[in-house]
Amino acid sequence: MALGEHDGARGWLIGRLNDGLGCMFTMMNHMRLGVGLHSLGLAERSLQLARDYARERLQGRDAAGAQRPIIEHADVRRMLLAMKSLTQAARGLAYTAAATLDVAHSAKDDDRRAAAGRRADLLTPIVKAWCSEVAVEVASLGVQVHGGMGFVDDAEISQVYRDSRIGPIFEGTNYIQAQDLLGRKVIRDKGAALGELLAEIEKAARDDVNPLGYLRSSLIDGCARLRAATRDLTAGAAREPELIGATAHHFLQWLGILAGGWQLALAATRAAAESDSSVARATADIAAFYGAHILPRTLAHDATIRNGVGAVAQASMADL
């Protein structure tokens, strides 16, 4: 690229002098939230396509000998419930981040703006990275529900799957987001902003709405374990230069899963207070599925953070 190859080039200052880097990060953070919303849209479309197909595709027979749609098969329901619970969790998280950013910009109280700014900074890499990972998983499950039909180029779900795969890559790869979250947003302030978020998740989890006992107890336990892991990571980061790089992915995924469960717990609590019992039941069912099938993933991330650093940091290039 050549600018003013013969006669020089003229530029115009946009914003304040020497403030360009800050402006660039403002733009990038907005784009990262945009990636999360784009990924959310792809996850929702994947769910729509898979659900419609599962209602129409006949396979197997019921007790009376009549063919039945594949949505009646337990494993297909499992996949659809995973798709819906992850999509709903990602939606709540993305909307919460956007609302938090509004408060950071518009609240009249200085302390409230500052607190919202810390929360928005913490949520931004999670929305970008976790929601884009959710989109890939949900779209992949959508292809699976379609069977071989979902793999061919003519199937819309195949295109959605390919479109979702760019989310973890652009506007800073998901590793960059994870490194930013753990290194800058958590360890740098010794977990202060994270502690505020975990306390809010725990508060929501203590609201007693049945039948979500397992979701709520898992959220409380997950927050306690993440808080302990954060203390250890903060203490060890100065001694082990590879610690953040080796654990950041799992740390972000762990926090994303907890934050998604937080959103579903809030949704179930609010739905229970509404007069429409069918909405309350459906919301509780999705939250209960998330608690039983998605939240246990945090245990694997915990174990990897605790025990898996050396397997990455000490591996030689010859092992690859």
C-alpha atoms as a PDB file:
ATOM      1  CA  MET A   1       0.000   0.000   0.000  1.00  0.00           C
ATOM      2  CA  ALA A   2       1.440   3.359  -1.024  1.00  0.00           C
ATOM      3  CA  LEU A   3       0.051   6.641   0.294  1.00  0.00           C
ATOM      4  CA  GLY A   4       1.079   9.785  -1.576  1.00  0.00           C
ATOM      5  CA  GLU A   5       3.640   7.935  -3.664  1.00  0.00           C
ATOM      6  CA  HIS A   6       4.611  11.025  -5.707  1.00  0.00           C
ATOM      7  CA  ASP A   7       3.360  14.177  -3.977  1.00  0.00           C
ATOM      8  CA  GLY A   8       3.138  13.213  -0.311  1.00  0.00           C
ATOM      9  CA  ALA A   9      -0.014  12.422   1.622  1.00  0.00           C
ATOM     10  CA  ARG A  10      -2.271  14.642   3.689  1.00  0.00           C
ATOM     11  CA  GLY A  11      -3.820  13.409   6.934  1.00  0.00           C
ATOM     12  CA  TRP A  12      -6.366  14.858   9.315  1.00  0.00           C
ATOM     13  CA  LEU A  13      -6.220  14.409  13.068  1.00  0.00           C
ATOM     14  CA  ILE A  14      -9.256  12.576  14.434  1.00  0.00           C
ATOM     15  CA  GLY A  15      -9.709  13.020  18.172  1.00  0.00           C
ATOM     16  CA  ARG A  16      -7.042  14.265  20.561  1.00  0.00           C
ATOM     17  CA  LEU A  17      -3.320  14.206  19.826  1.00  0.00           C
ATOM     18  CA  ASN A  18      -1.521  11.123  21.197  1.00  0.00           C
ATOM     19  CA  ASP A  19      -4.838   9.457  22.083  1.00  0.00           C
ATOM     20  CA  GLY A  20      -5.062   7.198  19.044  1.00  0.00           C
ATOM     21  CA  LEU A  21      -4.258   3.951  20.847  1.00  0.00           C
ATOM     22  CA  GLY A  22      -7.039   4.517  23.350  1.00  0.00           C
ATOM     23  CA  CYS A  23      -9.473   5.248  20.528  1.00  0.00           C
ATOM     24  CA  MET A  24      -8.404   2.078  18.758  1.00  0.00           C
ATOM     25  CA  PHE A  25      -9.123  -0.039  21.836  1.00  0.00           C
ATOM     26  CA  THR A  26     -12.538   1.579  22.221  1.00  0.00           C
ATOM     27  CA  MET A  27     -13.310   0.582  18.646  1.00  0.00           C
ATOM     28  CA  MET A  28     -11.929  -2.937  19.129  1.00  0.00           C
ATOM     29  CA  ASN A  29     -13.908  -3.539  22.305  1.00  0.00           C
ATOM     30  CA  HIS A  30     -17.111  -2.525  20.537  1.00  0.00           C
ATOM     31  CA  MET A  31     -16.221  -4.874  17.704  1.00  0.00           C
ATOM     32  CA  ARG A  32     -15.542  -7.695  20.162  1.00  0.00           C
ATOM     33  CA  LEU A  33     -19.027  -7.266  21.583  1.00  0.00           C
ATOM     34  CA  GLY A  34     -20.235  -7.250  17.987  1.00  0.00           C
ATOM     35  CA  VAL A  35     -18.542 -10.588  17.370  1.00  0.00           C
ATOM     36  CA  GLY A  36     -20.346 -12.000  20.390  1.00  0.00           C
ATOM     37  CA  LEU A  37     -23.705 -10.754  19.084  1.00  0.00           C
ATOM     38  CA  HIS A  38     -22.960 -12.059  15.590  1.00  0.00           C
ATOM     39  CA  SER A  39     -22.119 -15.450  17.084  1.00  0.00           C
ATOM     40  CA  LEU A  40     -25.310 -15.360  19.121  1.00  0.00           C
ATOM     41  CA  GLY A  41     -27.317 -14.814  15.946  1.00  0.00           C
ATOM     42  CA  LEU A  42     -25.656 -17.802  14.288  1.00  0.00           C
ATOM     43  CA  ALA A  43     -26.352 -19.984  17.322  1.00  0.00           C
ATOM     44  CA  GLU A  44     -30.003 -18.965  17.277  1.00  0.00           C
ATOM     45  CA  ARG A  45     -30.301 -19.712  13.555  1.00  0.00           C
ATOM     46  CA  SER A  46     -28.662 -23.112  14.085  1.00  0.00           C
ATOM     47  CA  LEU A  47     -31.214 -23.890  16.781  1.00  0.00           C
ATOM     48  CA  GLN A  48     -34.121 -22.833  14.572  1.00  0.00           C
ATOM     49  CA  LEU A  49     -32.944 -24.958  11.659  1.00  0.00           C
ATOM     50  CA  ALA A  50     -32.220 -28.044  13.773  1.00  0.00           C
ATOM     51  CA  ARG A  51     -35.481 -27.831  15.694  1.00  0.00           C
ATOM     52  CA  ASP A  52     -37.568 -27.502  12.539  1.00  0.00           C
ATOM     53  CA  TYR A  53     -35.750 -30.389  10.873  1.00  0.00           C
ATOM     54  CA  ALA A  54     -36.106 -32.614  13.941  1.00  0.00           C
ATOM     55  CA  ARG A  55     -39.860 -32.035  13.979  1.00  0.00           C
ATOM     56  CA  GLU A  56     -40.208 -33.031  10.317  1.00  0.00           C
ATOM     57  CA  ARG A  57     -37.680 -35.852   9.886  1.00  0.00           C
ATOM     58  CA  LEU A  58     -39.278 -39.256  10.490  1.00  0.00           C
ATOM     59  CA  GLN A  59     -37.110 -42.085  11.785  1.00  0.00           C
ATOM     60  CA  GLY A  60     -38.072 -45.125  13.850  1.00  0.00           C
ATOM     61  CA  ARG A  61     -41.499 -46.155  15.081  1.00  0.00           C
ATOM     62  CA  ASP A  62     -43.490 -45.722  18.265  1.00  0.00           C
ATOM     63  CA  ALA A  63     -45.181 -48.488  20.277  1.00  0.00           C
ATOM     64  CA  ALA A  64     -48.154 -48.455  17.913  1.00  0.00           C
ATOM     65  CA  GLY A  65     -45.924 -48.928  14.865  1.00  0.00           C
ATOM     66  CA  ALA A  66     -46.303 -45.399  13.512  1.00  0.00           C
ATOM     67  CA  GLN A  67     -43.253 -43.495  12.317  1.00  0.00           C
ATOM     68  CA  ARG A  68     -42.171 -40.758  14.655  1.00  0.00           C
ATOM     69  CA  PRO A  69     -40.142 -37.553  14.220  1.00  0.00           C
ATOM     70  CA  ILE A  70     -36.572 -37.659  15.445  1.00  0.00           C
ATOM     71  CA  ILE A  71     -37.305 -34.948  18.033  1.00  0.00           C
ATOM     72  CA  GLU A  72     -38.917 -37.734  20.038  1.00  0.00           C
ATOM     73  CA  HIS A  73     -35.577 -39.567  20.302  1.00  0.00           C
ATOM     74  CA  ALA A  74     -33.819 -38.872  23.605  1.00  0.00           C
ATOM     75  CA  ASP A  75     -30.407 -38.133  22.107  1.00  0.00           C
ATOM     76  CA  VAL A  76     -31.848 -35.635  19.627  1.00  0.00           C
ATOM     77  CA  ARG A  77     -33.673 -33.919  22.480  1.00  0.00           C
ATOM     78  CA  ARG A  78     -30.379 -33.830  24.378  1.00  0.00           C
ATOM     79  CA  MET A  79     -28.658 -32.063  21.495  1.00  0.00           C
ATOM     80  CA  LEU A  80     -31.496 -29.586  21.021  1.00  0.00           C
ATOM     81  CA  LEU A  81     -31.591 -28.830  24.741  1.00  0.00           C
ATOM     82  CA  ALA A  82     -27.828 -28.253  24.730  1.00  0.00           C
ATOM     83  CA  MET A  83     -28.212 -25.925  21.759  1.00  0.00           C
ATOM     84  CA  LYS A  84     -31.054 -23.993  23.372  1.00  0.00           C
ATOM     85  CA  SER A  85     -29.513 -23.707  26.833  1.00  0.00           C
ATOM     86  CA  LEU A  86     -26.164 -22.513  25.471  1.00  0.00           C
ATOM     87  CA  THR A  87     -27.854 -20.036  23.139  1.00  0.00           C
ATOM     88  CA  GLN A  88     -30.062 -18.654  25.899  1.00  0.00           C
ATOM     89  CA  ALA A  89     -27.096 -18.338  28.245  1.00  0.00           C
ATOM     90  CA  ALA A  90     -25.037 -16.539  25.593  1.00  0.00           C
ATOM     91  CA  ARG A  91     -27.939 -14.212  24.823  1.00  0.00           C
ATOM     92  CA  GLY A  92     -28.337 -13.207  28.456  1.00  0.00           C
ATOM     93  CA  LEU A  93     -24.607 -12.617  28.830  1.00  0.00           C
ATOM     94  CA  ALA A  94     -24.329 -10.500  25.666  1.00  0.00           C
ATOM     95  CA  TYR A  95     -27.345  -8.382  26.617  1.00  0.00           C
ATOM     96  CA  THR A  96     -26.028  -7.925  30.156  1.00  0.00           C
ATOM     97  CA  ALA A  97     -22.685  -6.714  28.812  1.00  0.00           C
ATOM     98  CA  ALA A  98     -24.431  -4.232  26.509  1.00  0.00           C
ATOM     99  CA  ALA A  99     -26.612  -2.910  29.344  1.00  0.00           C
ATOM    100  CA  THR A 100     -23.556  -2.621  31.584  1.00  0.00           C
ATOM    101  CA  LEU A 101     -21.784  -0.574  28.923  1.00  0.00           C
ATOM    102  CA  ASP A 102     -24.784   1.772  28.780  1.00  0.00           C
ATOM    103  CA  VAL A 103     -24.532   2.311  32.538  1.00  0.00           C
ATOM    104  CA  ALA A 104     -20.779   2.933  32.263  1.00  0.00           C
ATOM    105  CA  HIS A 105     -21.461   5.673  29.703  1.00  0.00           C
ATOM    106  CA  SER A 106     -24.645   7.257  31.046  1.00  0.00           C
ATOM    107  CA  ALA A 107     -25.001   6.808  34.803  1.00  0.00           C
ATOM    108  CA  LYS A 108     -25.035  10.109  36.684  1.00  0.00           C
ATOM    109  CA  ASP A 109     -23.118   8.763  39.675  1.00  0.00           C
ATOM    110  CA  ASP A 110     -19.328   8.587  39.239  1.00  0.00           C
ATOM    111  CA  ASP A 111     -18.913   5.496  41.396  1.00  0.00           C
ATOM    112  CA  ARG A 112     -21.660   3.676  39.518  1.00  0.00           C
ATOM    113  CA  ARG A 113     -20.064   4.530  36.169  1.00  0.00           C
ATOM    114  CA  ALA A 114     -16.687   3.305  37.404  1.00  0.00           C
ATOM    115  CA  ALA A 115     -18.128   0.027  38.714  1.00  0.00           C
ATOM    116  CA  ALA A 116     -20.012  -0.546  35.464  1.00  0.00           C
ATOM    117  CA  GLY A 117     -16.845   0.196  33.504  1.00  0.00           C
ATOM    118  CA  ARG A 118     -14.940  -2.474  35.433  1.00  0.00           C
ATOM    119  CA  ARG A 119     -17.739  -4.951  34.848  1.00  0.00           C
ATOM    120  CA  ALA A 120     -17.933  -4.148  31.108  1.00  0.00           C
ATOM    121  CA  ASP A 121     -14.163  -4.571  30.783  1.00  0.00           C
ATOM    122  CA  LEU A 122     -14.429  -7.973  32.467  1.00  0.00           C
ATOM    123  CA  LEU A 123     -17.406  -9.165  30.406  1.00  0.00           C
ATOM    124  CA  THR A 124     -16.164  -8.025  26.978  1.00  0.00           C
ATOM    125  CA  PRO A 125     -13.564 -10.794  26.392  1.00  0.00           C
ATOM    126  CA  ILE A 126     -16.019 -13.384  27.752  1.00  0.00           C
ATOM    127  CA  VAL A 127     -18.775 -12.260  25.383  1.00  0.00           C
ATOM    128  CA  LYS A 128     -16.408 -12.318  22.432  1.00  0.00           C
ATOM    129  CA  ALA A 129     -14.661 -15.606  23.183  1.00  0.00           C
ATOM    130  CA  TRP A 130     -17.220 -17.705  25.037  1.00  0.00           C
ATOM    131  CA  CYS A 131     -20.175 -16.723  22.851  1.00  0.00           C
ATOM    132  CA  SER A 132     -18.199 -17.442  19.692  1.00  0.00           C
ATOM    133  CA  GLU A 133     -17.190 -20.858  21.049  1.00  0.00           C
ATOM    134  CA  VAL A 134     -20.845 -21.474  21.882  1.00  0.00           C
ATOM    135  CA  ALA A 135     -21.818 -20.629  18.304  1.00  0.00           C
ATOM    136  CA  VAL A 136     -19.366 -23.186  16.914  1.00  0.00           C
ATOM    137  CA  GLU A 137     -20.611 -25.890  19.291  1.00  0.00           C
ATOM    138  CA  VAL A 138     -24.277 -25.118  18.658  1.00  0.00           C
ATOM    139  CA  ALA A 139     -23.812 -25.031  14.886  1.00  0.00           C
ATOM    140  CA  SER A 140     -21.877 -28.309  14.999  1.00  0.00           C
ATOM    141  CA  LEU A 141     -24.712 -29.905  16.957  1.00  0.00           C
ATOM    142  CA  GLY A 142     -27.105 -28.498  14.373  1.00  0.00           C
ATOM    143  CA  VAL A 143     -25.227 -30.309  11.622  1.00  0.00           C
ATOM    144  CA  GLN A 144     -25.372 -33.491  13.705  1.00  0.00           C
ATOM    145  CA  VAL A 145     -29.142 -33.231  14.156  1.00  0.00           C
ATOM    146  CA  HIS A 146     -29.498 -32.945  10.376  1.00  0.00           C
ATOM    147  CA  GLY A 147     -27.359 -36.039   9.866  1.00  0.00           C
ATOM    148  CA  GLY A 148     -25.646 -36.441   6.493  1.00  0.00           C
ATOM    149  CA  MET A 149     -28.069 -33.924   5.016  1.00  0.00           C
ATOM    150  CA  GLY A 150     -26.530 -31.246   7.208  1.00  0.00           C
ATOM    151  CA  PHE A 151     -23.050 -31.724   5.769  1.00  0.00           C
ATOM    152  CA  VAL A 152     -23.799 -30.979   2.126  1.00  0.00           C
ATOM    153  CA  ASP A 153     -23.278 -27.496   0.734  1.00  0.00           C
ATOM    154  CA  ASP A 154     -26.953 -27.081  -0.134  1.00  0.00           C
ATOM    155  CA  ALA A 155     -27.985 -27.254   3.534  1.00  0.00           C
ATOM    156  CA  GLU A 156     -28.241 -23.882   5.277  1.00  0.00           C
ATOM    157  CA  ILE A 157     -26.953 -25.369   8.525  1.00  0.00           C
ATOM    158  CA  SER A 158     -23.703 -26.230   6.742  1.00  0.00           C
ATOM    159  CA  GLN A 159     -23.243 -22.567   5.794  1.00  0.00           C
ATOM    160  CA  VAL A 160     -24.092 -21.432   9.317  1.00  0.00           C
ATOM    161  CA  TYR A 161     -21.468 -23.797  10.708  1.00  0.00           C
ATOM    162  CA  ARG A 162     -18.802 -22.372   8.401  1.00  0.00           C
ATOM    163  CA  ASP A 163     -19.874 -18.818   9.224  1.00  0.00           C
ATOM    164  CA  SER A 164     -19.687 -19.502  12.961  1.00  0.00           C
ATOM    165  CA  ARG A 165     -16.094 -20.737  12.712  1.00  0.00           C
ATOM    166  CA  ILE A 166     -14.703 -17.258  12.039  1.00  0.00           C
ATOM    167  CA  GLY A 167     -15.965 -15.929  15.398  1.00  0.00           C
ATOM    168  CA  PRO A 168     -13.137 -17.400  17.513  1.00  0.00           C
ATOM    169  CA  ILE A 169     -10.583 -15.973  15.080  1.00  0.00           C
ATOM    170  CA  PHE A 170     -11.247 -12.355  14.200  1.00  0.00           C
ATOM    171  CA  GLU A 171     -11.055  -9.179  16.326  1.00  0.00           C
ATOM    172  CA  GLY A 172      -8.380 -10.858  18.415  1.00  0.00           C
ATOM    173  CA  THR A 173      -8.324 -14.636  18.586  1.00  0.00           C
ATOM    174  CA  ASN A 174     -10.007 -16.250  21.560  1.00  0.00           C
ATOM    175  CA  TYR A 175      -6.604 -16.925  23.086  1.00  0.00           C
ATOM    176  CA  ILE A 176      -5.919 -13.173  23.011  1.00  0.00           C
ATOM    177  CA  GLN A 177      -9.262 -12.619  24.741  1.00  0.00           C
ATOM    178  CA  ALA A 178      -8.425 -15.229  27.372  1.00  0.00           C
ATOM    179  CA  GLN A 179      -4.969 -13.783  27.953  1.00  0.00           C
ATOM    180  CA  ASP A 180      -6.478 -10.300  28.285  1.00  0.00           C
ATOM    181  CA  LEU A 181      -9.097 -11.565  30.734  1.00  0.00           C
ATOM    182  CA  LEU A 182      -6.736 -13.461  33.013  1.00  0.00           C
ATOM    183  CA  GLY A 183      -3.622 -11.297  32.723  1.00  0.00           C
ATOM    184  CA  ARG A 184      -5.085  -7.792  32.562  1.00  0.00           C
ATOM    185  CA  LYS A 185      -8.634  -7.965  33.900  1.00  0.00           C
ATOM    186  CA  VAL A 186      -8.111 -10.448  36.752  1.00  0.00           C
ATOM    187  CA  ILE A 187      -4.496 -10.804  37.908  1.00  0.00           C
ATOM    188  CA  ARG A 188      -3.562  -7.160  37.428  1.00  0.00           C
ATOM    189  CA  ASP A 189      -6.211  -5.996  39.918  1.00  0.00           C
ATOM    190  CA  LYS A 190      -5.805  -9.132  42.090  1.00  0.00           C
ATOM    191  CA  GLY A 191      -9.278 -10.367  41.229  1.00  0.00           C
ATOM    192  CA  ALA A 192     -11.209  -7.345  42.530  1.00  0.00           C
ATOM    193  CA  ALA A 193     -13.571  -6.969  39.536  1.00  0.00           C
ATOM    194  CA  LEU A 194     -13.898 -10.737  39.276  1.00  0.00           C
ATOM    195  CA  GLY A 195     -14.776 -10.938  42.969  1.00  0.00           C
ATOM    196  CA  GLU A 196     -17.607  -8.459  42.456  1.00  0.00           C
ATOM    197  CA  LEU A 197     -19.007 -10.573  39.611  1.00  0.00           C
ATOM    198  CA  LEU A 198     -18.685 -13.854  41.515  1.00  0.00           C
ATOM    199  CA  ALA A 199     -20.466 -12.325  44.511  1.00  0.00           C
ATOM    200  CA  GLU A 200     -23.348 -11.306  42.251  1.00  0.00           C
ATOM    201  CA  ILE A 201     -23.522 -14.793  40.720  1.00  0.00           C
ATOM    202  CA  GLU A 202     -23.612 -16.326  44.197  1.00  0.00           C
ATOM    203  CA  LYS A 203     -26.372 -13.941  45.266  1.00  0.00           C
ATOM    204  CA  ALA A 204     -28.500 -14.958  42.272  1.00  0.00           C
ATOM    205  CA  ALA A 205     -27.815 -18.629  42.959  1.00  0.00           C
ATOM    206  CA  ARG A 206     -29.145 -18.386  46.496  1.00  0.00           C
ATOM    207  CA  ASP A 207     -32.627 -17.381  45.356  1.00  0.00           C
ATOM    208  CA  ASP A 208     -34.741 -20.440  46.051  1.00  0.00           C
ATOM    209  CA  VAL A 209     -36.605 -21.426  42.888  1.00  0.00           C
ATOM    210  CA  ASN A 210     -37.279 -25.132  42.431  1.00  0.00           C
ATOM    211  CA  PRO A 211     -36.395 -27.371  40.643  1.00  0.00           C
ATOM    212  CA  LEU A 212     -33.035 -25.680  40.185  1.00  0.00           C
ATOM    213  CA  GLY A 213     -31.267 -26.874  43.296  1.00  0.00           C
ATOM    214  CA  TYR A 214     -28.426 -28.526  41.378  1.00  0.00           C
ATOM    215  CA  LEU A 215     -27.882 -25.502  39.117  1.00  0.00           C
ATOM    216  CA  ARG A 216     -27.720 -23.194  42.080  1.00  0.00           C
ATOM    217  CA  SER A 217     -25.482 -25.393  44.245  1.00  0.00           C
ATOM    218  CA  SER A 218     -23.158 -25.901  41.264  1.00  0.00           C
ATOM    219  CA  LEU A 219     -22.954 -22.150  40.672  1.00  0.00           C
ATOM    220  CA  ILE A 220     -22.059 -21.511  44.311  1.00  0.00           C
ATOM    221  CA  ASP A 221     -19.473 -24.309  44.307  1.00  0.00           C
ATOM    222  CA  GLY A 222     -18.068 -23.186  40.947  1.00  0.00           C
ATOM    223  CA  CYS A 223     -17.648 -19.614  42.187  1.00  0.00           C
ATOM    224  CA  ALA A 224     -15.834 -20.783  45.312  1.00  0.00           C
ATOM    225  CA  ARG A 225     -13.481 -22.976  43.293  1.00  0.00           C
ATOM    226  CA  LEU A 226     -12.797 -20.254  40.732  1.00  0.00           C
ATOM    227  CA  ARG A 227     -12.072 -17.760  43.494  1.00  0.00           C
ATOM    228  CA  ALA A 228      -9.545 -20.171  45.007  1.00  0.00           C
ATOM    229  CA  ALA A 229      -7.961 -20.890  41.621  1.00  0.00           C
ATOM    230  CA  THR A 230      -7.675 -17.152  40.974  1.00  0.00           C
ATOM    231  CA  ARG A 231      -5.770 -16.647  44.223  1.00  0.00           C
ATOM    232  CA  ASP A 232      -3.336 -19.390  43.266  1.00  0.00           C
ATOM    233  CA  LEU A 233      -2.893 -18.079  39.720  1.00  0.00           C
ATOM    234  CA  THR A 234      -2.296 -14.551  41.001  1.00  0.00           C
ATOM    235  CA  ALA A 235       0.343 -15.825  43.433  1.00  0.00           C
ATOM    236  CA  GLY A 236       2.046 -18.031  40.845  1.00  0.00           C
ATOM    237  CA  ALA A 237       2.003 -15.768  37.783  1.00  0.00           C
ATOM    238  CA  ALA A 238       5.106 -13.827  38.825  1.00  0.00           C
ATOM    239  CA  ARG A 239       7.105 -17.040  39.337  1.00  0.00           C
ATOM    240  CA  GLU A 240       5.959 -18.949  36.254  1.00  0.00           C
ATOM    241  CA  PRO A 241       6.108 -16.937  32.991  1.00  0.00           C
ATOM    242  CA  GLU A 242       4.091 -19.571  31.090  1.00  0.00           C
ATOM    243  CA  LEU A 243       1.317 -19.819  33.680  1.00  0.00           C
ATOM    244  CA  ILE A 244      -1.107 -17.339  32.116  1.00  0.00           C
ATOM    245  CA  GLY A 245      -0.593 -18.669  28.607  1.00  0.00           C
ATOM    246  CA  ALA A 246      -1.106 -22.273  29.687  1.00  0.00           C
ATOM    247  CA  THR A 247      -4.278 -21.644  31.716  1.00  0.00           C
ATOM    248  CA  ALA A 248      -6.010 -18.614  30.177  1.00  0.00           C
ATOM    249  CA  HIS A 249      -8.229 -20.587  27.768  1.00  0.00           C
ATOM    250  CA  HIS A 250      -9.573 -22.808  30.531  1.00  0.00           C
ATOM    251  CA  PHE A 251     -10.014 -19.855  32.890  1.00  0.00           C
ATOM    252  CA  LEU A 252     -12.150 -17.961  30.374  1.00  0.00           C
ATOM    253  CA  GLN A 253     -14.251 -21.000  29.518  1.00  0.00           C
ATOM    254  CA  TRP A 254     -14.795 -21.718  33.209  1.00  0.00           C
ATOM    255  CA  LEU A 255     -15.940 -18.156  33.884  1.00  0.00           C
ATOM    256  CA  GLY A 256     -18.073 -18.121  30.726  1.00  0.00           C
ATOM    257  CA  ILE A 257     -19.924 -21.276  31.792  1.00  0.00           C
ATOM    258  CA  LEU A 258     -20.539 -19.833  35.268  1.00  0.00           C
ATOM    259  CA  ALA A 259     -21.731 -16.519  33.838  1.00  0.00           C
ATOM    260  CA  GLY A 260     -24.057 -18.355  31.454  1.00  0.00           C
ATOM    261  CA  GLY A 261     -25.531 -20.320  34.356  1.00  0.00           C
ATOM    262  CA  TRP A 262     -25.972 -17.054  36.249  1.00  0.00           C
ATOM    263  CA  GLN A 263     -28.041 -15.674  33.391  1.00  0.00           C
ATOM    264  CA  LEU A 264     -30.272 -18.757  33.273  1.00  0.00           C
ATOM    265  CA  ALA A 265     -30.766 -18.678  37.040  1.00  0.00           C
ATOM    266  CA  LEU A 266     -31.849 -15.032  36.796  1.00  0.00           C
ATOM    267  CA  ALA A 267     -34.188 -15.867  33.918  1.00  0.00           C
ATOM    268  CA  ALA A 268     -35.774 -18.733  35.860  1.00  0.00           C
ATOM    269  CA  THR A 269     -36.271 -16.544  38.920  1.00  0.00           C
ATOM    270  CA  ARG A 270     -37.982 -13.829  36.890  1.00  0.00           C
ATOM    271  CA  ALA A 271     -40.105 -16.276  34.926  1.00  0.00           C
ATOM    272  CA  ALA A 272     -41.307 -17.906  38.149  1.00  0.00           C
ATOM    273  CA  ALA A 273     -42.732 -14.558  39.237  1.00  0.00           C
ATOM    274  CA  GLU A 274     -44.778 -14.212  36.043  1.00  0.00           C
ATOM    275  CA  SER A 275     -48.364 -15.396  35.661  1.00  0.00           C
ATOM    276  CA  ASP A 276     -47.626 -17.557  32.586  1.00  0.00           C
ATOM    277  CA  SER A 277     -46.843 -20.966  34.088  1.00  0.00           C
ATOM    278  CA  SER A 278     -45.854 -22.464  30.725  1.00  0.00           C
ATOM    279  CA  VAL A 279     -43.087 -19.868  30.298  1.00  0.00           C
ATOM    280  CA  ALA A 280     -41.904 -20.455  33.852  1.00  0.00           C
ATOM    281  CA  ARG A 281     -41.820 -24.218  33.282  1.00  0.00           C
ATOM    282  CA  ALA A 282     -39.930 -23.942  29.976  1.00  0.00           C
ATOM    283  CA  THR A 283     -37.394 -21.505  31.443  1.00  0.00           C
ATOM    284  CA  ALA A 284     -36.828 -23.724  34.464  1.00  0.00           C
ATOM    285  CA  ASP A 285     -36.385 -26.795  32.260  1.00  0.00           C
ATOM    286  CA  ILE A 286     -33.680 -25.103  30.194  1.00  0.00           C
ATOM    287  CA  ALA A 287     -31.895 -23.869  33.312  1.00  0.00           C
ATOM    288  CA  ALA A 288     -32.089 -27.319  34.900  1.00  0.00           C
ATOM    289  CA  PHE A 289     -30.616 -28.926  31.765  1.00  0.00           C
ATOM    290  CA  TYR A 290     -27.774 -26.400  31.771  1.00  0.00           C
ATOM    291  CA  GLY A 291     -27.058 -27.198  35.405  1.00  0.00           C
ATOM    292  CA  ALA A 292     -26.951 -30.942  34.763  1.00  0.00           C
ATOM    293  CA  HIS A 293     -25.182 -31.031  31.376  1.00  0.00           C
ATOM    294  CA  ILE A 294     -23.157 -27.820  30.935  1.00  0.00           C
ATOM    295  CA  LEU A 295     -22.054 -26.646  34.381  1.00  0.00           C
ATOM    296  CA  PRO A 296     -20.158 -29.900  35.142  1.00  0.00           C
ATOM    297  CA  ARG A 297     -17.675 -28.839  32.450  1.00  0.00           C
ATOM    298  CA  THR A 298     -16.230 -26.403  34.987  1.00  0.00           C
ATOM    299  CA  LEU A 299     -14.818 -29.367  36.898  1.00  0.00           C
ATOM    300  CA  ALA A 300     -12.669 -30.295  33.900  1.00  0.00           C
ATOM    301  CA  HIS A 301     -11.431 -26.714  33.515  1.00  0.00           C
ATOM    302  CA  ASP A 302     -10.614 -26.610  37.237  1.00  0.00           C
ATOM    303  CA  ALA A 303      -8.638 -29.854  37.036  1.00  0.00           C
ATOM    304  CA  THR A 304      -6.738 -28.684  33.962  1.00  0.00           C
ATOM    305  CA  ILE A 305      -5.802 -25.351  35.533  1.00  0.00           C
ATOM    306  CA  ARG A 306      -4.632 -27.156  38.674  1.00  0.00           C
ATOM    307  CA  ASN A 307      -2.733 -29.990  37.028  1.00  0.00           C
ATOM    308  CA  GLY A 308      -2.135 -29.248  33.374  1.00  0.00           C
ATOM    309  CA  VAL A 309       0.254 -26.300  33.332  1.00  0.00           C
ATOM    310  CA  GLY A 310       3.420 -28.386  33.270  1.00  0.00           C
ATOM    311  CA  ALA A 311       2.204 -30.474  30.333  1.00  0.00           C
ATOM    312  CA  VAL A 312       2.166 -27.274  28.259  1.00  0.00           C
ATOM    313  CA  ALA A 313       4.972 -25.202  29.777  1.00  0.00           C
ATOM    314  CA  GLN A 314       7.530 -28.026  29.935  1.00  0.00           C
ATOM    315  CA  ALA A 315       6.821 -29.619  26.545  1.00  0.00           C
ATOM    316  CA  SER A 316       9.631 -29.139  24.046  1.00  0.00           C
ATOM    317  CA  MET A 317       9.108 -28.052  20.470  1.00  0.00           C
ATOM    318  CA  ALA A 318      10.267 -31.519  19.420  1.00  0.00           C
ATOM    319  CA  ASP A 319       7.158 -32.995  21.087  1.00  0.00           C
ATOM    320  CA  LEU A 320       4.889 -31.221  18.617  1.00  0.00           C
END
